[in-house]
Amino acid sequence: MRNADQAASNSPSIDEIPEIPEGEPFAEEWRAFKREAFQLVNEGKTGKFAVLKGSQLVGVWDTLSDADLAGRRLFGGAPFLVQEIQLYLKPMRWGYFRPCPG
């Protein structure tokens, strides 16, 4: 089994991930991503990064840093969602935001 197949077999499918309750941060963006995910994968965009704002898919970028930069340029300090395009969610490591010293 390839590594990607192994990761997929240990990760929940996007269809198995529950909706974020209405009114919670990124609930609308998450629903939009789930709605668009299969089409994006079918278009060969697996592994790229989608930027979503509200119910709209804003665009797709090759790297996380490019997607983040585009979102910051488009929305300034307003929240937006960047999500890797996959049909399975990879486990995430949560931390905290710490500004660079300087």
PDB file of N, CA and C in Angstrom:
ATOM      1  N   MET A   1       0.841  -1.177   0.000  1.00  0.00           N
ATOM      2  CA  MET A   1       0.000   0.000   0.000  1.00  0.00           C
ATOM      3  C   MET A   1       0.888   1.242   0.000  1.00  0.00           C
ATOM      4  N   ARG A   2       0.558   2.201  -0.841  1.00  0.00           N
ATOM      5  CA  ARG A   2       1.330   3.441  -0.890  1.00  0.00           C
ATOM      6  C   ARG A   2       1.077   4.261   0.368  1.00  0.00           C
ATOM      7  N   ASN A   3       1.991   5.208   0.670  1.00  0.00           N
ATOM      8  CA  ASN A   3       1.844   6.056   1.843  1.00  0.00           C
ATOM      9  C   ASN A   3       0.552   6.846   1.820  1.00  0.00           C
ATOM     10  N   ALA A   4       0.182   7.396   0.669  1.00  0.00           N
ATOM     11  CA  ALA A   4      -1.062   8.170   0.567  1.00  0.00           C
ATOM     12  C   ALA A   4      -2.266   7.275   0.860  1.00  0.00           C
ATOM     13  N   ASP A   5      -2.226   6.038   0.357  1.00  0.00           N
ATOM     14  CA  ASP A   5      -3.328   5.113   0.624  1.00  0.00           C
ATOM     15  C   ASP A   5      -3.388   4.756   2.104  1.00  0.00           C
ATOM     16  N   GLN A   6      -2.228   4.587   2.733  1.00  0.00           N
ATOM     17  CA  GLN A   6      -2.193   4.292   4.159  1.00  0.00           C
ATOM     18  C   GLN A   6      -2.761   5.449   4.962  1.00  0.00           C
ATOM     19  N   ALA A   7      -2.366   6.657   4.620  1.00  0.00           N
ATOM     20  CA  ALA A   7      -2.875   7.838   5.327  1.00  0.00           C
ATOM     21  C   ALA A   7      -4.380   7.941   5.152  1.00  0.00           C
ATOM     22  N   ALA A   8      -4.854   7.695   3.939  1.00  0.00           N
ATOM     23  CA  ALA A   8      -6.288   7.779   3.676  1.00  0.00           C
ATOM     24  C   ALA A   8      -7.052   6.724   4.467  1.00  0.00           C
ATOM     25  N   SER A   9      -6.486   5.533   4.592  1.00  0.00           N
ATOM     26  CA  SER A   9      -7.201   4.483   5.301  1.00  0.00           C
ATOM     27  C   SER A   9      -7.294   4.765   6.805  1.00  0.00           C
ATOM     28  N   ASN A  10      -6.394   5.586   7.337  1.00  0.00           N
ATOM     29  CA  ASN A  10      -6.395   5.925   8.760  1.00  0.00           C
ATOM     30  C   ASN A  10      -7.078   7.249   9.054  1.00  0.00           C
ATOM     31  N   SER A  11      -7.509   7.954   8.031  1.00  0.00           N
ATOM     32  CA  SER A  11      -8.100   9.280   8.193  1.00  0.00           C
ATOM     33  C   SER A  11      -9.562   9.239   7.787  1.00  0.00           C
ATOM     34  N   PRO A  12     -10.365  10.070   8.417  1.00  0.00           N
ATOM     35  CA  PRO A  12     -11.781  10.091   8.039  1.00  0.00           C
ATOM     36  C   PRO A  12     -11.981  10.734   6.675  1.00  0.00           C
ATOM     37  N   SER A  13     -12.936  10.195   5.940  1.00  0.00           N
ATOM     38  CA  SER A  13     -13.337  10.784   4.668  1.00  0.00           C
ATOM     39  C   SER A  13     -14.016  12.118   4.941  1.00  0.00           C
ATOM     40  N   ILE A  14     -13.925  13.010   3.994  1.00  0.00           N
ATOM     41  CA  ILE A  14     -14.541  14.320   4.166  1.00  0.00           C
ATOM     42  C   ILE A  14     -16.047  14.193   4.414  1.00  0.00           C
ATOM     43  N   ASP A  15     -16.673  13.161   3.858  1.00  0.00           N
ATOM     44  CA  ASP A  15     -18.107  12.928   4.095  1.00  0.00           C
ATOM     45  C   ASP A  15     -18.399  12.528   5.535  1.00  0.00           C
ATOM     46  N   GLU A  16     -17.402  11.984   6.231  1.00  0.00           N
ATOM     47  CA  GLU A  16     -17.588  11.543   7.612  1.00  0.00           C
ATOM     48  C   GLU A  16     -17.377  12.656   8.635  1.00  0.00           C
ATOM     49  N   ILE A  17     -16.831  13.770   8.194  1.00  0.00           N
ATOM     50  CA  ILE A  17     -16.564  14.880   9.101  1.00  0.00           C
ATOM     51  C   ILE A  17     -17.862  15.646   9.316  1.00  0.00           C
ATOM     52  N   PRO A  18     -18.266  15.832  10.553  1.00  0.00           N
ATOM     53  CA  PRO A  18     -19.527  16.544  10.789  1.00  0.00           C
ATOM     54  C   PRO A  18     -19.428  18.012  10.406  1.00  0.00           C
ATOM     55  N   GLU A  19     -20.575  18.592  10.169  1.00  0.00           N
ATOM     56  CA  GLU A  19     -20.643  20.017   9.884  1.00  0.00           C
ATOM     57  C   GLU A  19     -20.256  20.793  11.136  1.00  0.00           C
ATOM     58  N   ILE A  20     -19.730  21.972  10.950  1.00  0.00           N
ATOM     59  CA  ILE A  20     -19.487  22.890  12.060  1.00  0.00           C
ATOM     60  C   ILE A  20     -20.822  23.557  12.366  1.00  0.00           C
ATOM     61  N   PRO A  21     -21.229  23.633  13.616  1.00  0.00           N
ATOM     62  CA  PRO A  21     -22.527  24.236  13.943  1.00  0.00           C
ATOM     63  C   PRO A  21     -22.646  25.661  13.404  1.00  0.00           C
ATOM     64  N   GLU A  22     -23.833  25.971  12.919  1.00  0.00           N
ATOM     65  CA  GLU A  22     -24.136  27.309  12.396  1.00  0.00           C
ATOM     66  C   GLU A  22     -23.754  28.369  13.425  1.00  0.00           C
ATOM     67  N   GLY A  23     -23.150  29.429  12.956  1.00  0.00           N
ATOM     68  CA  GLY A  23     -22.750  30.518  13.837  1.00  0.00           C
ATOM     69  C   GLY A  23     -21.345  30.384  14.395  1.00  0.00           C
ATOM     70  N   GLU A  24     -20.753  29.213  14.281  1.00  0.00           N
ATOM     71  CA  GLU A  24     -19.374  29.011  14.738  1.00  0.00           C
ATOM     72  C   GLU A  24     -18.411  29.520  13.658  1.00  0.00           C
ATOM     73  N   PRO A  25     -17.195  29.913  14.061  1.00  0.00           N
ATOM     74  CA  PRO A  25     -16.224  30.370  13.060  1.00  0.00           C
ATOM     75  C   PRO A  25     -15.970  29.311  11.997  1.00  0.00           C
ATOM     76  N   PHE A  26     -15.944  29.734  10.773  1.00  0.00           N
ATOM     77  CA  PHE A  26     -15.635  28.931   9.590  1.00  0.00           C
ATOM     78  C   PHE A  26     -16.690  27.879   9.237  1.00  0.00           C
ATOM     79  N   ALA A  27     -17.858  27.938   9.841  1.00  0.00           N
ATOM     80  CA  ALA A  27     -18.925  26.977   9.509  1.00  0.00           C
ATOM     81  C   ALA A  27     -19.317  27.097   8.043  1.00  0.00           C
ATOM     82  N   GLU A  28     -19.503  28.309   7.583  1.00  0.00           N
ATOM     83  CA  GLU A  28     -19.921  28.528   6.194  1.00  0.00           C
ATOM     84  C   GLU A  28     -18.816  28.123   5.220  1.00  0.00           C
ATOM     85  N   GLU A  29     -17.577  28.461   5.537  1.00  0.00           N
ATOM     86  CA  GLU A  29     -16.450  28.095   4.681  1.00  0.00           C
ATOM     87  C   GLU A  29     -16.271  26.578   4.616  1.00  0.00           C
ATOM     88  N   TRP A  30     -16.447  25.904   5.752  1.00  0.00           N
ATOM     89  CA  TRP A  30     -16.291  24.446   5.774  1.00  0.00           C
ATOM     90  C   TRP A  30     -17.357  23.772   4.921  1.00  0.00           C
ATOM     91  N   ARG A  31     -18.607  24.253   5.005  1.00  0.00           N
ATOM     92  CA  ARG A  31     -19.664  23.693   4.147  1.00  0.00           C
ATOM     93  C   ARG A  31     -19.328  23.909   2.679  1.00  0.00           C
ATOM     94  N   ALA A  32     -18.811  25.084   2.347  1.00  0.00           N
ATOM     95  CA  ALA A  32     -18.433  25.369   0.960  1.00  0.00           C
ATOM     96  C   ALA A  32     -17.312  24.432   0.509  1.00  0.00           C
ATOM     97  N   PHE A  33     -16.325  24.201   1.382  1.00  0.00           N
ATOM     98  CA  PHE A  33     -15.237  23.296   1.008  1.00  0.00           C
ATOM     99  C   PHE A  33     -15.765  21.889   0.775  1.00  0.00           C
ATOM    100  N   LYS A  34     -16.598  21.390   1.676  1.00  0.00           N
ATOM    101  CA  LYS A  34     -17.149  20.041   1.506  1.00  0.00           C
ATOM    102  C   LYS A  34     -17.952  19.934   0.206  1.00  0.00           C
ATOM    103  N   ARG A  35     -18.640  20.993  -0.141  1.00  0.00           N
ATOM    104  CA  ARG A  35     -19.439  21.021  -1.376  1.00  0.00           C
ATOM    105  C   ARG A  35     -18.531  20.957  -2.606  1.00  0.00           C
ATOM    106  N   GLU A  36     -17.381  21.613  -2.553  1.00  0.00           N
ATOM    107  CA  GLU A  36     -16.482  21.738  -3.707  1.00  0.00           C
ATOM    108  C   GLU A  36     -15.413  20.654  -3.791  1.00  0.00           C
ATOM    109  N   ALA A  37     -15.147  19.941  -2.718  1.00  0.00           N
ATOM    110  CA  ALA A  37     -13.976  19.057  -2.633  1.00  0.00           C
ATOM    111  C   ALA A  37     -13.921  18.007  -3.735  1.00  0.00           C
ATOM    112  N   PHE A  38     -15.007  17.308  -3.980  1.00  0.00           N
ATOM    113  CA  PHE A  38     -14.969  16.230  -4.973  1.00  0.00           C
ATOM    114  C   PHE A  38     -14.690  16.780  -6.373  1.00  0.00           C
ATOM    115  N   GLN A  39     -15.292  17.918  -6.703  1.00  0.00           N
ATOM    116  CA  GLN A  39     -15.049  18.530  -8.011  1.00  0.00           C
ATOM    117  C   GLN A  39     -13.590  18.951  -8.152  1.00  0.00           C
ATOM    118  N   LEU A  40     -13.032  19.549  -7.102  1.00  0.00           N
ATOM    119  CA  LEU A  40     -11.632  19.968  -7.144  1.00  0.00           C
ATOM    120  C   LEU A  40     -10.694  18.777  -7.328  1.00  0.00           C
ATOM    121  N   VAL A  41     -10.975  17.686  -6.632  1.00  0.00           N
ATOM    122  CA  VAL A  41     -10.160  16.475  -6.797  1.00  0.00           C
ATOM    123  C   VAL A  41     -10.299  15.943  -8.217  1.00  0.00           C
ATOM    124  N   ASN A  42     -11.517  15.922  -8.746  1.00  0.00           N
ATOM    125  CA  ASN A  42     -11.735  15.463 -10.119  1.00  0.00           C
ATOM    126  C   ASN A  42     -11.019  16.335 -11.142  1.00  0.00           C
ATOM    127  N   GLU A  43     -10.787  17.589 -10.805  1.00  0.00           N
ATOM    128  CA  GLU A  43     -10.063  18.509 -11.696  1.00  0.00           C
ATOM    129  C   GLU A  43      -8.551  18.385 -11.540  1.00  0.00           C
ATOM    130  N   GLY A  44      -8.091  17.464 -10.688  1.00  0.00           N
ATOM    131  CA  GLY A  44      -6.658  17.240 -10.518  1.00  0.00           C
ATOM    132  C   GLY A  44      -5.989  18.202  -9.553  1.00  0.00           C
ATOM    133  N   LYS A  45      -6.736  18.774  -8.644  1.00  0.00           N
ATOM    134  CA  LYS A  45      -6.180  19.767  -7.727  1.00  0.00           C
ATOM    135  C   LYS A  45      -5.834  19.193  -6.345  1.00  0.00           C
ATOM    136  N   THR A  46      -5.806  17.879  -6.230  1.00  0.00           N
ATOM    137  CA  THR A  46      -5.441  17.247  -4.959  1.00  0.00           C
ATOM    138  C   THR A  46      -4.057  17.713  -4.523  1.00  0.00           C
ATOM    139  N   GLY A  47      -3.956  18.077  -3.239  1.00  0.00           N
ATOM    140  CA  GLY A  47      -2.682  18.527  -2.687  1.00  0.00           C
ATOM    141  C   GLY A  47      -2.453  20.019  -2.801  1.00  0.00           C
ATOM    142  N   LYS A  48      -3.297  20.704  -3.555  1.00  0.00           N
ATOM    143  CA  LYS A  48      -3.209  22.164  -3.632  1.00  0.00           C
ATOM    144  C   LYS A  48      -4.042  22.755  -2.499  1.00  0.00           C
ATOM    145  N   PHE A  49      -4.123  24.062  -2.412  1.00  0.00           N
ATOM    146  CA  PHE A  49      -4.773  24.716  -1.281  1.00  0.00           C
ATOM    147  C   PHE A  49      -5.873  25.662  -1.744  1.00  0.00           C
ATOM    148  N   ALA A  50      -7.057  25.452  -1.209  1.00  0.00           N
ATOM    149  CA  ALA A  50      -8.217  26.274  -1.532  1.00  0.00           C
ATOM    150  C   ALA A  50      -8.350  27.395  -0.509  1.00  0.00           C
ATOM    151  N   VAL A  51      -8.713  28.574  -0.991  1.00  0.00           N
ATOM    152  CA  VAL A  51      -9.036  29.700  -0.126  1.00  0.00           C
ATOM    153  C   VAL A  51     -10.537  29.918  -0.224  1.00  0.00           C
ATOM    154  N   LEU A  52     -11.185  29.957   0.939  1.00  0.00           N
ATOM    155  CA  LEU A  52     -12.631  30.141   0.992  1.00  0.00           C
ATOM    156  C   LEU A  52     -12.975  31.299   1.910  1.00  0.00           C
ATOM    157  N   LYS A  53     -13.982  32.048   1.500  1.00  0.00           N
ATOM    158  CA  LYS A  53     -14.488  33.155   2.303  1.00  0.00           C
ATOM    159  C   LYS A  53     -16.003  33.093   2.212  1.00  0.00           C
ATOM    160  N   GLY A  54     -16.646  32.916   3.355  1.00  0.00           N
ATOM    161  CA  GLY A  54     -18.096  32.722   3.335  1.00  0.00           C
ATOM    162  C   GLY A  54     -18.417  31.458   2.557  1.00  0.00           C
ATOM    163  N   SER A  55     -19.410  31.511   1.707  1.00  0.00           N
ATOM    164  CA  SER A  55     -19.810  30.326   0.948  1.00  0.00           C
ATOM    165  C   SER A  55     -19.091  30.220  -0.398  1.00  0.00           C
ATOM    166  N   GLN A  56     -18.071  31.054  -0.613  1.00  0.00           N
ATOM    167  CA  GLN A  56     -17.404  31.109  -1.911  1.00  0.00           C
ATOM    168  C   GLN A  56     -16.006  30.509  -1.889  1.00  0.00           C
ATOM    169  N   LEU A  57     -15.721  29.705  -2.903  1.00  0.00           N
ATOM    170  CA  LEU A  57     -14.356  29.270  -3.177  1.00  0.00           C
ATOM    171  C   LEU A  57     -13.696  30.419  -3.924  1.00  0.00           C
ATOM    172  N   VAL A  58     -12.697  31.026  -3.321  1.00  0.00           N
ATOM    173  CA  VAL A  58     -12.048  32.194  -3.906  1.00  0.00           C
ATOM    174  C   VAL A  58     -11.043  31.778  -4.972  1.00  0.00           C
ATOM    175  N   GLY A  59     -10.296  30.719  -4.703  1.00  0.00           N
ATOM    176  CA  GLY A  59      -9.304  30.258  -5.657  1.00  0.00           C
ATOM    177  C   GLY A  59      -8.492  29.113  -5.095  1.00  0.00           C
ATOM    178  N   VAL A  60      -7.589  28.598  -5.932  1.00  0.00           N
ATOM    179  CA  VAL A  60      -6.737  27.467  -5.568  1.00  0.00           C
ATOM    180  C   VAL A  60      -5.297  27.847  -5.868  1.00  0.00           C
ATOM    181  N   TRP A  61      -4.412  27.564  -4.912  1.00  0.00           N
ATOM    182  CA  TRP A  61      -2.990  27.868  -5.051  1.00  0.00           C
ATOM    183  C   TRP A  61      -2.182  26.602  -4.830  1.00  0.00           C
ATOM    184  N   ASP A  62      -0.965  26.598  -5.365  1.00  0.00           N
ATOM    185  CA  ASP A  62      -0.100  25.415  -5.296  1.00  0.00           C
ATOM    186  C   ASP A  62       0.441  25.143  -3.902  1.00  0.00           C
ATOM    187  N   THR A  63       0.693  26.187  -3.120  1.00  0.00           N
ATOM    188  CA  THR A  63       1.297  25.992  -1.808  1.00  0.00           C
ATOM    189  C   THR A  63       0.465  26.671  -0.722  1.00  0.00           C
ATOM    190  N   LEU A  64       0.650  26.207   0.494  1.00  0.00           N
ATOM    191  CA  LEU A  64      -0.020  26.810   1.639  1.00  0.00           C
ATOM    192  C   LEU A  64       0.384  28.274   1.784  1.00  0.00           C
ATOM    193  N   SER A  65       1.662  28.548   1.625  1.00  0.00           N
ATOM    194  CA  SER A  65       2.116  29.933   1.803  1.00  0.00           C
ATOM    195  C   SER A  65       1.539  30.851   0.725  1.00  0.00           C
ATOM    196  N   ASP A  66       1.432  30.375  -0.511  1.00  0.00           N
ATOM    197  CA  ASP A  66       0.821  31.188  -1.566  1.00  0.00           C
ATOM    198  C   ASP A  66      -0.655  31.446  -1.282  1.00  0.00           C
ATOM    199  N   ALA A  67      -1.362  30.420  -0.814  1.00  0.00           N
ATOM    200  CA  ALA A  67      -2.786  30.572  -0.500  1.00  0.00           C
ATOM    201  C   ALA A  67      -2.982  31.531   0.666  1.00  0.00           C
ATOM    202  N   ASP A  68      -2.146  31.407   1.688  1.00  0.00           N
ATOM    203  CA  ASP A  68      -2.237  32.293   2.844  1.00  0.00           C
ATOM    204  C   ASP A  68      -1.958  33.736   2.443  1.00  0.00           C
ATOM    205  N   LEU A  69      -0.925  33.952   1.654  1.00  0.00           N
ATOM    206  CA  LEU A  69      -0.577  35.294   1.200  1.00  0.00           C
ATOM    207  C   LEU A  69      -1.711  35.899   0.364  1.00  0.00           C
ATOM    208  N   ALA A  70      -2.279  35.106  -0.525  1.00  0.00           N
ATOM    209  CA  ALA A  70      -3.390  35.600  -1.345  1.00  0.00           C
ATOM    210  C   ALA A  70      -4.580  35.982  -0.466  1.00  0.00           C
ATOM    211  N   GLY A  71      -4.896  35.140   0.508  1.00  0.00           N
ATOM    212  CA  GLY A  71      -6.004  35.442   1.410  1.00  0.00           C
ATOM    213  C   GLY A  71      -5.764  36.718   2.202  1.00  0.00           C
ATOM    214  N   ARG A  72      -4.546  36.899   2.664  1.00  0.00           N
ATOM    215  CA  ARG A  72      -4.211  38.123   3.418  1.00  0.00           C
ATOM    216  C   ARG A  72      -4.310  39.355   2.535  1.00  0.00           C
ATOM    217  N   ARG A  73      -3.871  39.226   1.296  1.00  0.00           N
ATOM    218  CA  ARG A  73      -3.966  40.363   0.370  1.00  0.00           C
ATOM    219  C   ARG A  73      -5.418  40.684   0.034  1.00  0.00           C
ATOM    220  N   LEU A  74      -6.221  39.647  -0.150  1.00  0.00           N
ATOM    221  CA  LEU A  74      -7.625  39.854  -0.515  1.00  0.00           C
ATOM    222  C   LEU A  74      -8.481  40.330   0.650  1.00  0.00           C
ATOM    223  N   PHE A  75      -8.231  39.803   1.846  1.00  0.00           N
ATOM    224  CA  PHE A  75      -9.145  40.025   2.966  1.00  0.00           C
ATOM    225  C   PHE A  75      -8.526  40.775   4.136  1.00  0.00           C
ATOM    226  N   GLY A  76      -7.261  41.142   4.025  1.00  0.00           N
ATOM    227  CA  GLY A  76      -6.612  41.874   5.109  1.00  0.00           C
ATOM    228  C   GLY A  76      -6.672  41.081   6.400  1.00  0.00           C
ATOM    229  N   GLY A  77      -7.188  41.701   7.446  1.00  0.00           N
ATOM    230  CA  GLY A  77      -7.267  41.046   8.751  1.00  0.00           C
ATOM    231  C   GLY A  77      -8.532  40.230   8.959  1.00  0.00           C
ATOM    232  N   ALA A  78      -9.424  40.205   7.976  1.00  0.00           N
ATOM    233  CA  ALA A  78     -10.667  39.438   8.109  1.00  0.00           C
ATOM    234  C   ALA A  78     -10.364  37.939   8.001  1.00  0.00           C
ATOM    235  N   PRO A  79     -11.106  37.116   8.723  1.00  0.00           N
ATOM    236  CA  PRO A  79     -10.843  35.670   8.676  1.00  0.00           C
ATOM    237  C   PRO A  79     -11.224  35.057   7.329  1.00  0.00           C
ATOM    238  N   PHE A  80     -10.466  34.049   6.944  1.00  0.00           N
ATOM    239  CA  PHE A  80     -10.732  33.255   5.751  1.00  0.00           C
ATOM    240  C   PHE A  80     -10.175  31.869   6.026  1.00  0.00           C
ATOM    241  N   LEU A  81     -10.612  30.896   5.248  1.00  0.00           N
ATOM    242  CA  LEU A  81     -10.181  29.512   5.449  1.00  0.00           C
ATOM    243  C   LEU A  81      -9.257  29.088   4.325  1.00  0.00           C
ATOM    244  N   VAL A  82      -8.135  28.481   4.680  1.00  0.00           N
ATOM    245  CA  VAL A  82      -7.257  27.820   3.722  1.00  0.00           C
ATOM    246  C   VAL A  82      -7.315  26.339   4.054  1.00  0.00           C
ATOM    247  N   GLN A  83      -7.652  25.527   3.065  1.00  0.00           N
ATOM    248  CA  GLN A  83      -7.793  24.091   3.294  1.00  0.00           C
ATOM    249  C   GLN A  83      -7.101  23.323   2.178  1.00  0.00           C
ATOM    250  N   GLU A  84      -6.280  22.349   2.562  1.00  0.00           N
ATOM    251  CA  GLU A  84      -5.665  21.483   1.555  1.00  0.00           C
ATOM    252  C   GLU A  84      -6.750  20.655   0.885  1.00  0.00           C
ATOM    253  N   ILE A  85      -6.640  20.500  -0.412  1.00  0.00           N
ATOM    254  CA  ILE A  85      -7.639  19.762  -1.177  1.00  0.00           C
ATOM    255  C   ILE A  85      -7.307  18.278  -1.106  1.00  0.00           C
ATOM    256  N   GLN A  86      -8.108  17.566  -0.350  1.00  0.00           N
ATOM    257  CA  GLN A  86      -7.996  16.126  -0.141  1.00  0.00           C
ATOM    258  C   GLN A  86      -9.399  15.591   0.113  1.00  0.00           C
ATOM    259  N   LEU A  87      -9.608  14.333  -0.140  1.00  0.00           N
ATOM    260  CA  LEU A  87     -10.883  13.718   0.231  1.00  0.00           C
ATOM    261  C   LEU A  87     -10.814  13.099   1.619  1.00  0.00           C
ATOM    262  N   TYR A  88      -9.610  13.047   2.171  1.00  0.00           N
ATOM    263  CA  TYR A  88      -9.407  12.547   3.525  1.00  0.00           C
ATOM    264  C   TYR A  88      -8.679  13.624   4.306  1.00  0.00           C
ATOM    265  N   LEU A  89      -9.061  13.820   5.536  1.00  0.00           N
ATOM    266  CA  LEU A  89      -8.399  14.823   6.360  1.00  0.00           C
ATOM    267  C   LEU A  89      -7.224  14.207   7.078  1.00  0.00           C
ATOM    268  N   LYS A  90      -6.094  14.859   6.963  1.00  0.00           N
ATOM    269  CA  LYS A  90      -4.889  14.410   7.648  1.00  0.00           C
ATOM    270  C   LYS A  90      -4.970  14.850   9.101  1.00  0.00           C
ATOM    271  N   PRO A  91      -4.400  14.071  10.003  1.00  0.00           N
ATOM    272  CA  PRO A  91      -4.330  14.525  11.393  1.00  0.00           C
ATOM    273  C   PRO A  91      -3.552  15.837  11.467  1.00  0.00           C
ATOM    274  N   MET A  92      -3.988  16.706  12.358  1.00  0.00           N
ATOM    275  CA  MET A  92      -3.334  18.004  12.498  1.00  0.00           C
ATOM    276  C   MET A  92      -2.709  18.127  13.873  1.00  0.00           C
ATOM    277  N   ARG A  93      -1.645  18.837  13.926  1.00  0.00           N
ATOM    278  CA  ARG A  93      -1.007  19.142  15.207  1.00  0.00           C
ATOM    279  C   ARG A  93      -1.354  20.585  15.534  1.00  0.00           C
ATOM    280  N   TRP A  94      -2.005  20.786  16.650  1.00  0.00           N
ATOM    281  CA  TRP A  94      -2.414  22.128  17.053  1.00  0.00           C
ATOM    282  C   TRP A  94      -1.364  22.712  17.965  1.00  0.00           C
ATOM    283  N   GLY A  95      -1.152  23.972  17.829  1.00  0.00           N
ATOM    284  CA  GLY A  95      -0.188  24.678  18.657  1.00  0.00           C
ATOM    285  C   GLY A  95      -0.753  26.037  19.011  1.00  0.00           C
ATOM    286  N   TYR A  96       0.109  26.955  19.096  1.00  0.00           N
ATOM    287  CA  TYR A  96      -0.337  28.312  19.385  1.00  0.00           C
ATOM    288  C   TYR A  96       0.447  29.249  18.495  1.00  0.00           C
ATOM    289  N   PHE A  97      -0.118  30.425  18.313  1.00  0.00           N
ATOM    290  CA  PHE A  97       0.522  31.430  17.493  1.00  0.00           C
ATOM    291  C   PHE A  97       1.533  32.171  18.345  1.00  0.00           C
ATOM    292  N   ARG A  98       2.705  32.265  17.837  1.00  0.00           N
ATOM    293  CA  ARG A  98       3.765  32.995  18.544  1.00  0.00           C
ATOM    294  C   ARG A  98       4.489  33.852  17.516  1.00  0.00           C
ATOM    295  N   PRO A  99       4.468  35.175  17.679  1.00  0.00           N
ATOM    296  CA  PRO A  99       5.153  36.032  16.709  1.00  0.00           C
ATOM    297  C   PRO A  99       6.669  35.783  16.718  1.00  0.00           C
ATOM    298  N   CYS A 100       7.258  35.992  15.574  1.00  0.00           N
ATOM    299  CA  CYS A 100       8.707  35.864  15.478  1.00  0.00           C
ATOM    300  C   CYS A 100       9.368  36.970  16.287  1.00  0.00           C
ATOM    301  N   PRO A 101      10.453  36.650  16.959  1.00  0.00           N
ATOM    302  CA  PRO A 101      11.152  37.700  17.690  1.00  0.00           C
ATOM    303  C   PRO A 101      11.754  38.691  16.699  1.00  0.00           C
ATOM    304  N   GLY A 102      11.742  39.897  17.088  1.00  0.00           N
ATOM    305  CA  GLY A 102      12.388  40.776  16.170  1.00  0.00           C
ATOM    306  C   GLY A 102      12.108  42.180  16.375  1.00  0.00           C
TER     307      GLY A 102
END
